[in-house]
Structure formats: C-alpha cells, structure tokens
Amino acid sequence: MDERPSTRLQDVPHLLRDRLDALPDRWAAWREAFREDPALLFRTPAFRILLWIVGGLILLLAAQALIRGLTPPGAQGAGERATPWAVLYVACSDPACLHATSTRQARDFKAWPLTCEQCGKRTVYRAAQCATCARWFAVGPGEAAVCPHCARTAPAAKAPEPPKPQRRSDDAEDPWGP
C-alpha cells in the first residue's frame, strides 16, 4: 500500500485534521530528539528557510545602504521644501552707475524699483546678461533690453537703433514665461 498522502483536493481537510491530531506527539518526539542532538535544529528545513529569509533581508538592506551612499545628496528631494525667498540678479539703470549685484527677496516681491547700494538712487531693476559682453544690465519695465556697456563701446557711426519697447512681465526671462 502507498504511504504517500493523497494529492486529491477533497482529501486535504482530512489530511490536515490528521496532522493536527498528531502534532502534540510529533512535537514531543522532536523535542526529545533535540535534547539528544542539539545540532538537529540546523538540519531542519524550517531553519534553512529562516536562514535564507534572514540572509535575503541582510542582502537587501546592504544594497539599499549602498544605493543611498552612492546617490548624490540633492537627488532625493523628499525632505526638501520650497523656500519663501528668491535670489534675483539686479542692476542699476542709472547710466553713471550701472552697478550689478544679487539680492534676496520674497517670492511675491513686487516693490520695484529698489535702492542702489552704490549710488543710493531708486533705479535698481531685474537684470539680464548681455550675450556679447556677458555683463549684467538693468531692464526696466517697458524698456528695451539693450546692453548699456556695449552701447558705450560701440562706434558712434554704428549707433544701434533701439528696438521698440515691449511689455514685459516680472518673469519674462524664465523659460516658461510668455
């Protein structure tokens, strides 16, 4: 007669009941065998499965720590919040001064013009960088974006005609602006 358990689905509840009934006897026999040979614990399938699970968890944690160590600090972005401040490049529009600097203002700042640190006049507006000389110059509202540094050094015969003034918004230099 075959000693293997039946593989039919209808016999599963009966096999489970038989195993549960025999559980106290099997547990007592295993404890007795363990007292005689404590190394029996290391030869059981349950211990091997537990060992594989713990080893896998250790491997996953090591891989996660390695990835976290190799990732640059600013790349996660999870703990970052938007600041209420913005750094703006500004310049004085007074032709005698033309001082350029950066300033820290609130993001919803609209109180233009600012006071110039060098000349003390209220002629400081957002700045644009010249494509020719790479210097910063002020672009006031409704004014053309013409670099005064390049206009000074340009020959008098080739005086560039100023472009027509265009309406500018505060964020015209940003790539998403109109």
N, C-alpha and C. Protein backbone atom coordinates (compact mmCIF):
# COMPACT_ATOMS: atom_id res chain seq x y z
N MET A 1 0.83 -1.17 0.00
CA MET A 1 0.00 0.00 0.00
C MET A 1 0.88 1.25 0.00
N ASP A 2 0.42 2.26 -0.69
CA ASP A 2 1.18 3.50 -0.84
C ASP A 2 1.07 4.34 0.43
N GLU A 3 2.24 4.81 0.98
CA GLU A 3 2.28 5.59 2.22
C GLU A 3 2.21 7.10 1.94
N ARG A 4 2.33 7.48 0.69
CA ARG A 4 2.27 8.90 0.37
C ARG A 4 0.87 9.45 0.59
N PRO A 5 0.78 10.70 1.04
CA PRO A 5 -0.56 11.28 1.22
C PRO A 5 -1.23 11.50 -0.13
N SER A 6 -2.52 11.47 -0.11
CA SER A 6 -3.30 11.64 -1.32
C SER A 6 -3.15 13.08 -1.81
N THR A 7 -3.15 13.24 -3.11
CA THR A 7 -3.00 14.58 -3.68
C THR A 7 -4.33 15.12 -4.18
N ARG A 8 -5.38 14.41 -3.91
CA ARG A 8 -6.69 14.89 -4.35
C ARG A 8 -7.13 16.02 -3.44
N LEU A 9 -7.78 16.98 -4.01
CA LEU A 9 -8.20 18.16 -3.27
C LEU A 9 -9.24 17.85 -2.20
N GLN A 10 -10.06 16.87 -2.45
CA GLN A 10 -11.10 16.54 -1.47
C GLN A 10 -10.53 15.89 -0.22
N ASP A 11 -9.31 15.36 -0.29
CA ASP A 11 -8.69 14.72 0.88
C ASP A 11 -7.89 15.69 1.75
N VAL A 12 -7.71 16.93 1.32
CA VAL A 12 -6.90 17.90 2.05
C VAL A 12 -7.45 18.17 3.46
N PRO A 13 -8.74 18.39 3.65
CA PRO A 13 -9.21 18.63 5.03
C PRO A 13 -8.97 17.45 5.97
N HIS A 14 -9.10 16.21 5.44
CA HIS A 14 -8.87 15.02 6.27
C HIS A 14 -7.38 14.90 6.64
N LEU A 15 -6.49 15.17 5.67
CA LEU A 15 -5.06 15.12 5.95
C LEU A 15 -4.66 16.19 6.96
N LEU A 16 -5.23 17.37 6.82
CA LEU A 16 -4.92 18.46 7.75
C LEU A 16 -5.39 18.10 9.16
N ARG A 17 -6.57 17.51 9.29
CA ARG A 17 -7.08 17.11 10.60
C ARG A 17 -6.18 16.05 11.22
N ASP A 18 -5.74 15.06 10.41
CA ASP A 18 -4.86 14.01 10.93
C ASP A 18 -3.53 14.59 11.41
N ARG A 19 -2.98 15.54 10.65
CA ARG A 19 -1.70 16.15 11.04
C ARG A 19 -1.85 16.98 12.32
N LEU A 20 -2.95 17.70 12.44
CA LEU A 20 -3.18 18.47 13.65
C LEU A 20 -3.38 17.57 14.88
N ASP A 21 -4.02 16.42 14.68
CA ASP A 21 -4.19 15.48 15.79
C ASP A 21 -2.86 14.90 16.24
N ALA A 22 -1.95 14.68 15.28
CA ALA A 22 -0.66 14.07 15.59
C ALA A 22 0.39 15.11 16.00
N LEU A 23 0.06 16.38 15.95
CA LEU A 23 1.02 17.44 16.25
C LEU A 23 1.61 17.35 17.66
N PRO A 24 0.84 17.15 18.72
CA PRO A 24 1.47 17.07 20.04
C PRO A 24 2.47 15.92 20.15
N ASP A 25 2.16 14.76 19.56
CA ASP A 25 3.09 13.63 19.61
C ASP A 25 4.35 13.92 18.80
N ARG A 26 4.18 14.53 17.62
CA ARG A 26 5.34 14.84 16.79
C ARG A 26 6.22 15.89 17.47
N TRP A 27 5.60 16.87 18.14
CA TRP A 27 6.35 17.91 18.84
C TRP A 27 7.15 17.31 20.00
N ALA A 28 6.56 16.41 20.74
CA ALA A 28 7.25 15.77 21.86
C ALA A 28 8.42 14.94 21.35
N ALA A 29 8.23 14.23 20.23
CA ALA A 29 9.31 13.42 19.66
C ALA A 29 10.45 14.32 19.17
N TRP A 30 10.12 15.43 18.56
CA TRP A 30 11.17 16.33 18.06
C TRP A 30 11.94 16.95 19.23
N ARG A 31 11.25 17.34 20.32
CA ARG A 31 11.94 17.89 21.49
C ARG A 31 12.90 16.87 22.10
N GLU A 32 12.47 15.60 22.17
CA GLU A 32 13.33 14.54 22.71
C GLU A 32 14.56 14.35 21.82
N ALA A 33 14.36 14.35 20.51
CA ALA A 33 15.48 14.21 19.58
C ALA A 33 16.41 15.42 19.68
N PHE A 34 15.85 16.61 19.90
CA PHE A 34 16.67 17.82 20.04
C PHE A 34 17.51 17.79 21.32
N ARG A 35 16.95 17.25 22.40
CA ARG A 35 17.73 17.14 23.64
C ARG A 35 18.93 16.22 23.46
N GLU A 36 18.75 15.16 22.69
CA GLU A 36 19.85 14.23 22.45
C GLU A 36 20.88 14.80 21.50
N ASP A 37 20.41 15.57 20.47
CA ASP A 37 21.32 16.11 19.45
C ASP A 37 20.89 17.55 19.13
N PRO A 38 21.46 18.57 19.82
CA PRO A 38 21.06 19.96 19.56
C PRO A 38 21.36 20.43 18.13
N ALA A 39 22.28 19.79 17.44
CA ALA A 39 22.59 20.18 16.06
C ALA A 39 21.44 19.84 15.11
N LEU A 40 20.44 19.13 15.59
CA LEU A 40 19.28 18.78 14.78
C LEU A 40 18.55 20.04 14.30
N LEU A 41 18.60 21.08 15.11
CA LEU A 41 17.95 22.34 14.75
C LEU A 41 18.48 22.87 13.42
N PHE A 42 19.80 22.75 13.21
CA PHE A 42 20.41 23.29 12.00
C PHE A 42 20.13 22.44 10.76
N ARG A 43 19.63 21.24 10.94
CA ARG A 43 19.36 20.36 9.80
C ARG A 43 17.89 20.34 9.41
N THR A 44 17.06 21.14 10.07
CA THR A 44 15.64 21.14 9.74
C THR A 44 15.37 22.08 8.57
N PRO A 45 14.37 21.77 7.75
CA PRO A 45 14.03 22.66 6.62
C PRO A 45 13.55 24.04 7.09
N ALA A 46 12.85 24.08 8.23
CA ALA A 46 12.37 25.38 8.72
C ALA A 46 13.54 26.31 9.04
N PHE A 47 14.61 25.77 9.63
CA PHE A 47 15.78 26.59 9.95
C PHE A 47 16.45 27.07 8.66
N ARG A 48 16.54 26.21 7.68
CA ARG A 48 17.16 26.61 6.41
C ARG A 48 16.36 27.71 5.73
N ILE A 49 15.04 27.58 5.76
CA ILE A 49 14.19 28.61 5.15
C ILE A 49 14.36 29.93 5.89
N LEU A 50 14.35 29.87 7.22
CA LEU A 50 14.55 31.07 8.02
C LEU A 50 15.92 31.70 7.74
N LEU A 51 16.94 30.87 7.58
CA LEU A 51 18.28 31.36 7.28
C LEU A 51 18.32 32.06 5.92
N TRP A 52 17.64 31.50 4.92
CA TRP A 52 17.57 32.13 3.61
C TRP A 52 16.83 33.47 3.67
N ILE A 53 15.75 33.53 4.44
CA ILE A 53 14.99 34.78 4.57
C ILE A 53 15.83 35.86 5.25
N VAL A 54 16.48 35.52 6.34
CA VAL A 54 17.32 36.49 7.05
C VAL A 54 18.48 36.94 6.16
N GLY A 55 19.10 36.00 5.46
CA GLY A 55 20.19 36.35 4.54
C GLY A 55 19.72 37.27 3.43
N GLY A 56 18.53 37.02 2.90
CA GLY A 56 17.97 37.89 1.86
C GLY A 56 17.69 39.28 2.37
N LEU A 57 17.16 39.38 3.60
CA LEU A 57 16.90 40.70 4.18
C LEU A 57 18.19 41.47 4.40
N ILE A 58 19.21 40.79 4.87
CA ILE A 58 20.51 41.45 5.07
C ILE A 58 21.07 41.93 3.74
N LEU A 59 20.93 41.12 2.71
CA LEU A 59 21.41 41.50 1.38
C LEU A 59 20.63 42.71 0.85
N LEU A 60 19.31 42.74 1.05
CA LEU A 60 18.51 43.87 0.61
C LEU A 60 18.90 45.15 1.36
N LEU A 61 19.09 45.05 2.65
CA LEU A 61 19.48 46.23 3.43
C LEU A 61 20.86 46.74 3.03
N ALA A 62 21.77 45.83 2.74
CA ALA A 62 23.11 46.24 2.29
C ALA A 62 23.03 46.92 0.93
N ALA A 63 22.21 46.39 0.02
CA ALA A 63 22.06 47.01 -1.30
C ALA A 63 21.43 48.39 -1.17
N GLN A 64 20.44 48.53 -0.29
CA GLN A 64 19.79 49.82 -0.09
C GLN A 64 20.79 50.83 0.49
N ALA A 65 21.60 50.41 1.44
CA ALA A 65 22.60 51.31 2.02
C ALA A 65 23.64 51.71 0.97
N LEU A 66 24.02 50.79 0.11
CA LEU A 66 24.98 51.10 -0.95
C LEU A 66 24.39 52.11 -1.93
N ILE A 67 23.14 51.90 -2.32
CA ILE A 67 22.50 52.83 -3.25
C ILE A 67 22.35 54.21 -2.62
N ARG A 68 21.95 54.24 -1.35
CA ARG A 68 21.80 55.52 -0.65
C ARG A 68 23.15 56.22 -0.52
N GLY A 69 24.22 55.46 -0.34
CA GLY A 69 25.54 56.05 -0.23
C GLY A 69 26.07 56.58 -1.55
N LEU A 70 25.66 55.99 -2.66
CA LEU A 70 26.14 56.42 -3.97
C LEU A 70 25.29 57.52 -4.59
N THR A 71 24.11 57.75 -4.07
CA THR A 71 23.22 58.77 -4.62
C THR A 71 23.65 60.14 -4.13
N PRO A 72 23.72 61.14 -5.02
CA PRO A 72 24.09 62.49 -4.59
C PRO A 72 23.07 63.03 -3.60
N PRO A 73 23.49 63.91 -2.68
CA PRO A 73 22.60 64.35 -1.61
C PRO A 73 21.35 65.08 -2.07
N GLY A 74 21.39 65.86 -3.13
CA GLY A 74 20.22 66.63 -3.53
C GLY A 74 19.27 65.89 -4.42
N ALA A 75 19.53 64.66 -4.75
CA ALA A 75 18.72 63.95 -5.73
C ALA A 75 17.42 63.41 -5.18
N GLN A 76 17.31 63.18 -3.89
CA GLN A 76 16.10 62.58 -3.36
C GLN A 76 14.93 63.55 -3.42
N GLY A 77 15.09 64.71 -2.84
CA GLY A 77 14.04 65.71 -2.88
C GLY A 77 12.88 65.43 -1.95
N ALA A 78 12.87 64.36 -1.22
CA ALA A 78 11.75 64.03 -0.36
C ALA A 78 11.63 64.99 0.79
N GLY A 79 12.74 65.42 1.37
CA GLY A 79 12.68 66.29 2.53
C GLY A 79 12.83 67.76 2.18
N GLU A 80 12.85 68.09 0.92
CA GLU A 80 13.06 69.48 0.52
C GLU A 80 11.73 70.22 0.43
N ARG A 81 11.75 71.47 0.85
CA ARG A 81 10.58 72.34 0.74
C ARG A 81 10.98 73.59 -0.03
N ALA A 82 10.05 74.18 -0.69
CA ALA A 82 10.31 75.43 -1.40
C ALA A 82 10.54 76.54 -0.39
N THR A 83 11.52 77.37 -0.65
CA THR A 83 11.82 78.47 0.26
C THR A 83 10.92 79.65 -0.08
N PRO A 84 10.64 80.50 0.88
CA PRO A 84 9.83 81.69 0.59
C PRO A 84 10.65 82.81 -0.05
N TRP A 85 11.95 82.55 -0.29
CA TRP A 85 12.84 83.58 -0.82
C TRP A 85 13.32 83.21 -2.21
N ALA A 86 13.67 84.24 -2.98
CA ALA A 86 14.26 84.05 -4.30
C ALA A 86 15.49 84.94 -4.41
N VAL A 87 16.52 84.44 -5.07
CA VAL A 87 17.72 85.24 -5.33
C VAL A 87 17.57 85.83 -6.72
N LEU A 88 17.61 87.15 -6.80
CA LEU A 88 17.42 87.87 -8.06
C LEU A 88 18.70 88.60 -8.44
N TYR A 89 19.02 88.59 -9.73
CA TYR A 89 20.10 89.41 -10.24
C TYR A 89 19.49 90.75 -10.61
N VAL A 90 20.06 91.81 -10.02
CA VAL A 90 19.54 93.16 -10.26
C VAL A 90 20.69 94.07 -10.67
N ALA A 91 20.32 95.17 -11.31
CA ALA A 91 21.33 96.15 -11.74
C ALA A 91 20.71 97.54 -11.71
N CYS A 92 21.57 98.52 -11.52
CA CYS A 92 21.15 99.92 -11.50
C CYS A 92 20.99 100.39 -12.94
N SER A 93 19.90 101.10 -13.21
CA SER A 93 19.66 101.59 -14.58
C SER A 93 20.20 103.00 -14.80
N ASP A 94 20.79 103.61 -13.78
CA ASP A 94 21.40 104.94 -13.93
C ASP A 94 22.65 104.80 -14.80
N PRO A 95 22.75 105.52 -15.92
CA PRO A 95 23.90 105.38 -16.82
C PRO A 95 25.24 105.71 -16.17
N ALA A 96 25.25 106.51 -15.11
CA ALA A 96 26.51 106.84 -14.44
C ALA A 96 26.94 105.74 -13.47
N CYS A 97 26.04 104.87 -13.07
CA CYS A 97 26.36 103.86 -12.05
C CYS A 97 26.49 102.45 -12.66
N LEU A 98 25.41 101.89 -13.15
CA LEU A 98 25.32 100.55 -13.77
C LEU A 98 25.83 99.43 -12.86
N HIS A 99 25.70 99.62 -11.55
CA HIS A 99 26.15 98.60 -10.57
C HIS A 99 25.22 97.38 -10.63
N ALA A 100 25.81 96.19 -10.72
CA ALA A 100 25.02 94.95 -10.76
C ALA A 100 25.36 94.10 -9.54
N THR A 101 24.34 93.46 -8.98
CA THR A 101 24.52 92.62 -7.80
C THR A 101 23.38 91.60 -7.74
N SER A 102 23.38 90.79 -6.70
CA SER A 102 22.26 89.88 -6.49
C SER A 102 21.61 90.24 -5.16
N THR A 103 20.33 89.99 -5.05
CA THR A 103 19.58 90.31 -3.85
C THR A 103 18.64 89.17 -3.52
N ARG A 104 18.28 89.09 -2.25
CA ARG A 104 17.34 88.05 -1.80
C ARG A 104 16.03 88.74 -1.45
N GLN A 105 14.97 88.35 -2.15
CA GLN A 105 13.66 88.97 -1.96
C GLN A 105 12.61 87.87 -1.77
N ALA A 106 11.47 88.27 -1.23
CA ALA A 106 10.36 87.33 -1.10
C ALA A 106 9.88 86.94 -2.49
N ARG A 107 9.33 85.73 -2.60
CA ARG A 107 8.90 85.25 -3.93
C ARG A 107 7.78 86.10 -4.52
N ASP A 108 6.95 86.68 -3.70
CA ASP A 108 5.86 87.50 -4.22
C ASP A 108 6.21 88.99 -4.23
N PHE A 109 7.50 89.32 -4.28
CA PHE A 109 8.01 90.70 -4.25
C PHE A 109 7.58 91.44 -5.51
N LYS A 110 7.03 92.66 -5.33
CA LYS A 110 6.61 93.47 -6.48
C LYS A 110 6.99 94.95 -6.30
N ALA A 111 7.72 95.30 -5.26
CA ALA A 111 8.03 96.72 -4.95
C ALA A 111 9.24 97.21 -5.74
N TRP A 112 9.09 97.32 -7.05
CA TRP A 112 10.18 97.83 -7.89
C TRP A 112 10.05 99.33 -7.99
N PRO A 113 11.07 100.08 -8.16
CA PRO A 113 12.49 99.76 -8.18
C PRO A 113 13.07 99.72 -6.77
N LEU A 114 14.21 99.08 -6.67
CA LEU A 114 14.95 99.01 -5.40
C LEU A 114 15.95 100.17 -5.34
N THR A 115 16.52 100.37 -4.16
CA THR A 115 17.54 101.41 -3.98
C THR A 115 18.92 100.81 -4.27
N CYS A 116 19.70 101.51 -5.06
CA CYS A 116 21.04 101.06 -5.44
C CYS A 116 21.99 101.17 -4.24
N GLU A 117 22.80 100.15 -4.03
CA GLU A 117 23.77 100.16 -2.93
C GLU A 117 24.90 101.15 -3.18
N GLN A 118 25.21 101.41 -4.46
CA GLN A 118 26.36 102.24 -4.78
C GLN A 118 26.00 103.73 -4.91
N CYS A 119 24.96 104.02 -5.68
CA CYS A 119 24.63 105.44 -5.89
C CYS A 119 23.50 105.93 -4.99
N GLY A 120 22.73 105.05 -4.40
CA GLY A 120 21.67 105.44 -3.48
C GLY A 120 20.37 105.84 -4.15
N LYS A 121 20.26 105.76 -5.46
CA LYS A 121 19.03 106.14 -6.17
C LYS A 121 18.11 104.92 -6.28
N ARG A 122 16.82 105.19 -6.46
CA ARG A 122 15.85 104.10 -6.63
C ARG A 122 15.75 103.78 -8.12
N THR A 123 16.80 103.15 -8.64
CA THR A 123 16.87 102.83 -10.07
C THR A 123 17.30 101.39 -10.31
N VAL A 124 17.06 100.50 -9.37
CA VAL A 124 17.51 99.11 -9.49
C VAL A 124 16.33 98.24 -9.94
N TYR A 125 16.54 97.52 -11.05
CA TYR A 125 15.54 96.61 -11.61
C TYR A 125 16.18 95.24 -11.82
N ARG A 126 15.35 94.29 -12.21
CA ARG A 126 15.89 92.97 -12.54
C ARG A 126 16.89 93.10 -13.67
N ALA A 127 17.88 92.22 -13.66
CA ALA A 127 18.97 92.34 -14.63
C ALA A 127 18.90 91.21 -15.65
N ALA A 128 19.47 91.48 -16.79
CA ALA A 128 19.64 90.49 -17.86
C ALA A 128 21.13 90.46 -18.19
N GLN A 129 21.60 89.32 -18.67
CA GLN A 129 23.01 89.21 -19.01
C GLN A 129 23.18 89.41 -20.51
N CYS A 130 24.12 90.25 -20.87
CA CYS A 130 24.38 90.55 -22.27
C CYS A 130 25.01 89.34 -22.95
N ALA A 131 24.54 89.02 -24.12
CA ALA A 131 25.08 87.89 -24.88
C ALA A 131 26.44 88.22 -25.47
N THR A 132 26.76 89.48 -25.65
CA THR A 132 28.03 89.89 -26.25
C THR A 132 29.14 90.01 -25.22
N CYS A 133 28.90 90.84 -24.18
CA CYS A 133 29.97 91.11 -23.21
C CYS A 133 29.81 90.33 -21.90
N ALA A 134 28.70 89.63 -21.71
CA ALA A 134 28.41 88.80 -20.54
C ALA A 134 28.31 89.60 -19.24
N ARG A 135 28.06 90.89 -19.35
CA ARG A 135 27.88 91.71 -18.14
C ARG A 135 26.38 91.87 -17.89
N TRP A 136 26.03 92.13 -16.64
CA TRP A 136 24.63 92.29 -16.25
C TRP A 136 24.21 93.74 -16.41
N PHE A 137 22.97 93.95 -16.88
CA PHE A 137 22.43 95.30 -17.03
C PHE A 137 20.95 95.29 -16.68
N ALA A 138 20.45 96.43 -16.23
CA ALA A 138 19.06 96.55 -15.79
C ALA A 138 18.13 96.63 -16.97
N VAL A 139 16.97 95.99 -16.80
CA VAL A 139 15.92 96.08 -17.81
C VAL A 139 14.67 96.54 -17.07
N GLY A 140 14.36 97.81 -17.19
CA GLY A 140 13.20 98.38 -16.51
C GLY A 140 11.92 98.02 -17.23
N PRO A 141 10.79 98.22 -16.60
CA PRO A 141 9.51 97.89 -17.24
C PRO A 141 9.27 98.79 -18.46
N GLY A 142 8.94 98.18 -19.58
CA GLY A 142 8.67 98.91 -20.81
C GLY A 142 9.92 99.35 -21.55
N GLU A 143 11.11 99.00 -21.07
CA GLU A 143 12.35 99.39 -21.74
C GLU A 143 12.85 98.25 -22.62
N ALA A 144 13.64 98.62 -23.62
CA ALA A 144 14.24 97.63 -24.50
C ALA A 144 15.44 97.00 -23.80
N ALA A 145 15.71 95.75 -24.09
CA ALA A 145 16.83 95.04 -23.48
C ALA A 145 18.10 95.30 -24.29
N VAL A 146 18.67 96.50 -24.13
CA VAL A 146 19.89 96.91 -24.83
C VAL A 146 20.97 97.08 -23.78
N CYS A 147 22.10 96.44 -24.00
CA CYS A 147 23.19 96.50 -23.03
C CYS A 147 23.86 97.88 -23.08
N PRO A 148 23.86 98.62 -21.96
CA PRO A 148 24.49 99.94 -21.96
C PRO A 148 26.01 99.85 -22.04
N HIS A 149 26.60 98.74 -21.60
CA HIS A 149 28.06 98.57 -21.67
C HIS A 149 28.50 98.45 -23.13
N CYS A 150 27.77 97.68 -23.90
CA CYS A 150 28.10 97.53 -25.33
C CYS A 150 27.78 98.81 -26.09
N ALA A 151 26.72 99.52 -25.68
CA ALA A 151 26.34 100.77 -26.36
C ALA A 151 27.41 101.84 -26.16
N ARG A 152 28.10 101.85 -25.01
CA ARG A 152 29.17 102.81 -24.76
C ARG A 152 30.36 102.56 -25.67
N THR A 153 30.71 101.27 -25.85
CA THR A 153 31.91 100.94 -26.61
C THR A 153 31.66 100.84 -28.11
N ALA A 154 30.41 100.86 -28.54
CA ALA A 154 30.11 100.78 -29.97
C ALA A 154 30.53 102.07 -30.65
N PRO A 155 31.03 101.99 -31.89
CA PRO A 155 31.42 103.22 -32.61
C PRO A 155 30.20 104.13 -32.83
N ALA A 156 30.45 105.43 -32.84
CA ALA A 156 29.37 106.40 -32.99
C ALA A 156 28.68 106.28 -34.34
N ALA A 157 29.41 105.89 -35.37
CA ALA A 157 28.82 105.77 -36.70
C ALA A 157 27.84 104.62 -36.75
N LYS A 158 28.06 103.60 -35.96
CA LYS A 158 27.20 102.43 -35.97
C LYS A 158 26.29 102.44 -34.75
N ALA A 159 25.65 103.53 -34.50
CA ALA A 159 24.77 103.60 -33.34
C ALA A 159 23.58 102.67 -33.58
N PRO A 160 23.40 101.70 -32.71
CA PRO A 160 22.28 100.78 -32.94
C PRO A 160 20.96 101.47 -32.64
N GLU A 161 19.99 101.22 -33.51
CA GLU A 161 18.69 101.80 -33.25
C GLU A 161 17.99 100.96 -32.18
N PRO A 162 17.45 101.63 -31.22
CA PRO A 162 16.82 100.87 -30.12
C PRO A 162 15.57 100.14 -30.62
N PRO A 163 15.39 98.92 -30.20
CA PRO A 163 14.19 98.20 -30.60
C PRO A 163 12.96 98.82 -29.93
N LYS A 164 11.80 98.49 -30.48
CA LYS A 164 10.56 99.03 -29.94
C LYS A 164 10.34 98.47 -28.55
N PRO A 165 9.89 99.31 -27.63
CA PRO A 165 9.63 98.79 -26.28
C PRO A 165 8.51 97.76 -26.30
N GLN A 166 8.70 96.73 -25.53
CA GLN A 166 7.70 95.68 -25.43
C GLN A 166 7.26 95.59 -23.98
N ARG A 167 6.04 95.17 -23.81
CA ARG A 167 5.53 94.98 -22.45
C ARG A 167 6.18 93.74 -21.87
N ARG A 168 6.76 93.89 -20.67
CA ARG A 168 7.46 92.78 -20.03
C ARG A 168 6.76 92.42 -18.73
N SER A 169 6.74 91.14 -18.45
CA SER A 169 6.24 90.70 -17.15
C SER A 169 7.42 90.50 -16.21
N ASP A 170 7.15 90.23 -14.95
CA ASP A 170 8.23 90.01 -13.98
C ASP A 170 9.05 88.78 -14.33
N ASP A 171 8.43 87.80 -14.91
CA ASP A 171 9.12 86.52 -15.17
C ASP A 171 9.43 86.32 -16.65
N ALA A 172 9.69 87.38 -17.40
CA ALA A 172 9.92 87.26 -18.82
C ALA A 172 11.20 86.49 -19.13
N GLU A 173 12.17 86.53 -18.23
CA GLU A 173 13.43 85.83 -18.50
C GLU A 173 13.34 84.34 -18.19
N ASP A 174 12.28 83.93 -17.52
CA ASP A 174 12.14 82.50 -17.22
C ASP A 174 11.67 81.77 -18.47
N PRO A 175 12.09 80.52 -18.66
CA PRO A 175 11.75 79.79 -19.88
C PRO A 175 10.27 79.52 -20.03
N TRP A 176 9.50 79.55 -18.95
CA TRP A 176 8.08 79.25 -19.07
C TRP A 176 7.24 80.50 -19.25
N GLY A 177 7.89 81.68 -19.26
CA GLY A 177 7.16 82.93 -19.39
C GLY A 177 6.74 83.17 -20.83
N PRO A 178 5.88 84.16 -21.06
CA PRO A 178 5.42 84.48 -22.43
C PRO A 178 6.49 85.10 -23.27
